[in-house]
C-alpha atoms as a PDB file:
ATOM      1  CA  MET A   1      38.787 -80.673 -78.566  1.00  0.00           C
ATOM      2  CA  GLN A   2      39.426 -79.398 -81.736  1.00  0.00           C
ATOM      3  CA  GLN A   3      42.535 -77.266 -82.521  1.00  0.00           C
ATOM      4  CA  ASP A   4      42.208 -73.542 -84.302  1.00  0.00           C
ATOM      5  CA  THR A   5      45.068 -73.022 -86.274  1.00  0.00           C
ATOM      6  CA  HIS A   6      44.944 -68.974 -87.653  1.00  0.00           C
ATOM      7  CA  THR A   7      46.816 -67.956 -90.285  1.00  0.00           C
ATOM      8  CA  SER A   8      48.698 -64.340 -89.958  1.00  0.00           C
ATOM      9  CA  ASN A   9      49.420 -61.946 -92.910  1.00  0.00           C
ATOM     10  CA  SER A  10      51.168 -58.623 -93.392  1.00  0.00           C
ATOM     11  CA  THR A  11      47.579 -57.275 -94.514  1.00  0.00           C
ATOM     12  CA  SER A  12      45.792 -58.381 -91.393  1.00  0.00           C
ATOM     13  CA  SER A  13      48.430 -56.399 -89.607  1.00  0.00           C
ATOM     14  CA  VAL A  14      48.097 -53.547 -91.725  1.00  0.00           C
ATOM     15  CA  VAL A  15      44.747 -53.238 -91.029  1.00  0.00           C
ATOM     16  CA  LEU A  16      44.812 -53.558 -87.485  1.00  0.00           C
ATOM     17  CA  THR A  17      47.741 -51.129 -87.279  1.00  0.00           C
ATOM     18  CA  GLY A  18      46.063 -48.796 -89.418  1.00  0.00           C
ATOM     19  CA  ALA A  19      42.786 -49.324 -87.542  1.00  0.00           C
ATOM     20  CA  ILE A  20      44.900 -48.545 -84.300  1.00  0.00           C
ATOM     21  CA  LEU A  21      45.945 -45.200 -85.649  1.00  0.00           C
ATOM     22  CA  PHE A  22      42.656 -43.985 -87.323  1.00  0.00           C
ATOM     23  CA  ALA A  23      40.818 -44.388 -83.805  1.00  0.00           C
ATOM     24  CA  ASN A  24      43.585 -42.163 -82.304  1.00  0.00           C
ATOM     25  CA  LEU A  25      43.206 -39.835 -85.083  1.00  0.00           C
ATOM     26  CA  ASP A  26      42.323 -35.617 -83.964  1.00  0.00           C
ATOM     27  CA  ALA A  27      39.857 -34.585 -86.801  1.00  0.00           C
ATOM     28  CA  SER A  28      40.188 -31.043 -85.745  1.00  0.00           C
ATOM     29  CA  GLY A  29      44.203 -31.801 -85.962  1.00  0.00           C
ATOM     30  CA  LEU A  30      44.491 -33.203 -89.171  1.00  0.00           C
ATOM     31  CA  ALA A  31      41.875 -30.267 -90.723  1.00  0.00           C
ATOM     32  CA  GLU A  32      44.746 -27.771 -89.744  1.00  0.00           C
ATOM     33  CA  TYR A  33      47.536 -29.897 -90.582  1.00  0.00           C
ATOM     34  CA  ALA A  34      45.986 -30.073 -94.039  1.00  0.00           C
ATOM     35  CA  VAL A  35      45.196 -26.213 -94.175  1.00  0.00           C
ATOM     36  CA  LYS A  36      48.975 -25.533 -92.843  1.00  0.00           C
ATOM     37  CA  ALA A  37      50.322 -27.684 -95.688  1.00  0.00           C
ATOM     38  CA  ALA A  38      48.177 -26.119 -98.801  1.00  0.00           C
ATOM     39  CA  ILE A  39      49.102 -22.872 -97.145  1.00  0.00           C
ATOM     40  CA  GLY A  40      52.364 -23.850 -97.271  1.00  0.00           C
ATOM     41  CA  GLY A  41      52.233 -25.655-100.435  1.00  0.00           C
ATOM     42  CA  ALA A  42      50.959 -22.582-102.508  1.00  0.00           C
ATOM     43  CA  ILE A  43      53.868 -20.482-101.180  1.00  0.00           C
ATOM     44  CA  TRP A  44      56.394 -22.617-102.235  1.00  0.00           C
ATOM     45  CA  LEU A  45      54.718 -22.533-105.685  1.00  0.00           C
ATOM     46  CA  VAL A  46      54.510 -18.597-105.422  1.00  0.00           C
ATOM     47  CA  PHE A  47      58.482 -18.878-104.863  1.00  0.00           C
ATOM     48  CA  LYS A  48      58.822 -21.510-107.694  1.00  0.00           C
ATOM     49  CA  ILE A  49      56.893 -19.459-110.368  1.00  0.00           C
ATOM     50  CA  THR A  50      58.909 -16.184-109.027  1.00  0.00           C
ATOM     51  CA  SER A  51      62.337 -17.873-109.423  1.00  0.00           C
ATOM     52  CA  ASP A  52      62.021 -19.255-112.728  1.00  0.00           C
ATOM     53  CA  TYR A  53      60.518 -16.185-114.018  1.00  0.00           C
ATOM     54  CA  VAL A  54      63.674 -14.237-112.675  1.00  0.00           C
ATOM     55  CA  SER A  55      65.639 -16.792-114.056  1.00  0.00           C
ATOM     56  CA  GLU A  56      64.409 -16.373-117.293  1.00  0.00           C
ATOM     57  CA  ARG A  57      64.665 -12.180-117.303  1.00  0.00           C
ATOM     58  CA  ILE A  58      68.416 -12.581-116.081  1.00  0.00           C
ATOM     59  CA  LYS A  59      69.074 -15.713-118.939  1.00  0.00           C
ATOM     60  CA  ASN A  60      67.895 -13.341-121.502  1.00  0.00           C
ATOM     61  CA  LYS A  61      69.579 -10.217-120.432  1.00  0.00           C
ATOM     62  CA  LYS A  62      72.815 -11.915-120.871  1.00  0.00           C
ATOM     63  CA  GLU A  63      72.020 -13.020-123.954  1.00  0.00           C
ATOM     64  CA  LYS A  64      71.444  -9.407-125.767  1.00  0.00           C
END
């Protein structure tokens, strides 16, 4: 009887873990999270642009 030797590396472990996690994904939950993340990013961007604009106006007002 011949003995089989298997070599395991980190790539196979990552692929196996990814396959298990991917099998448990909820597509609607993932889509909902993506929408929430996009909306949150847009809100952050508006606040950042507004902050930069106000800071520049205050800086220019102090220089005059």
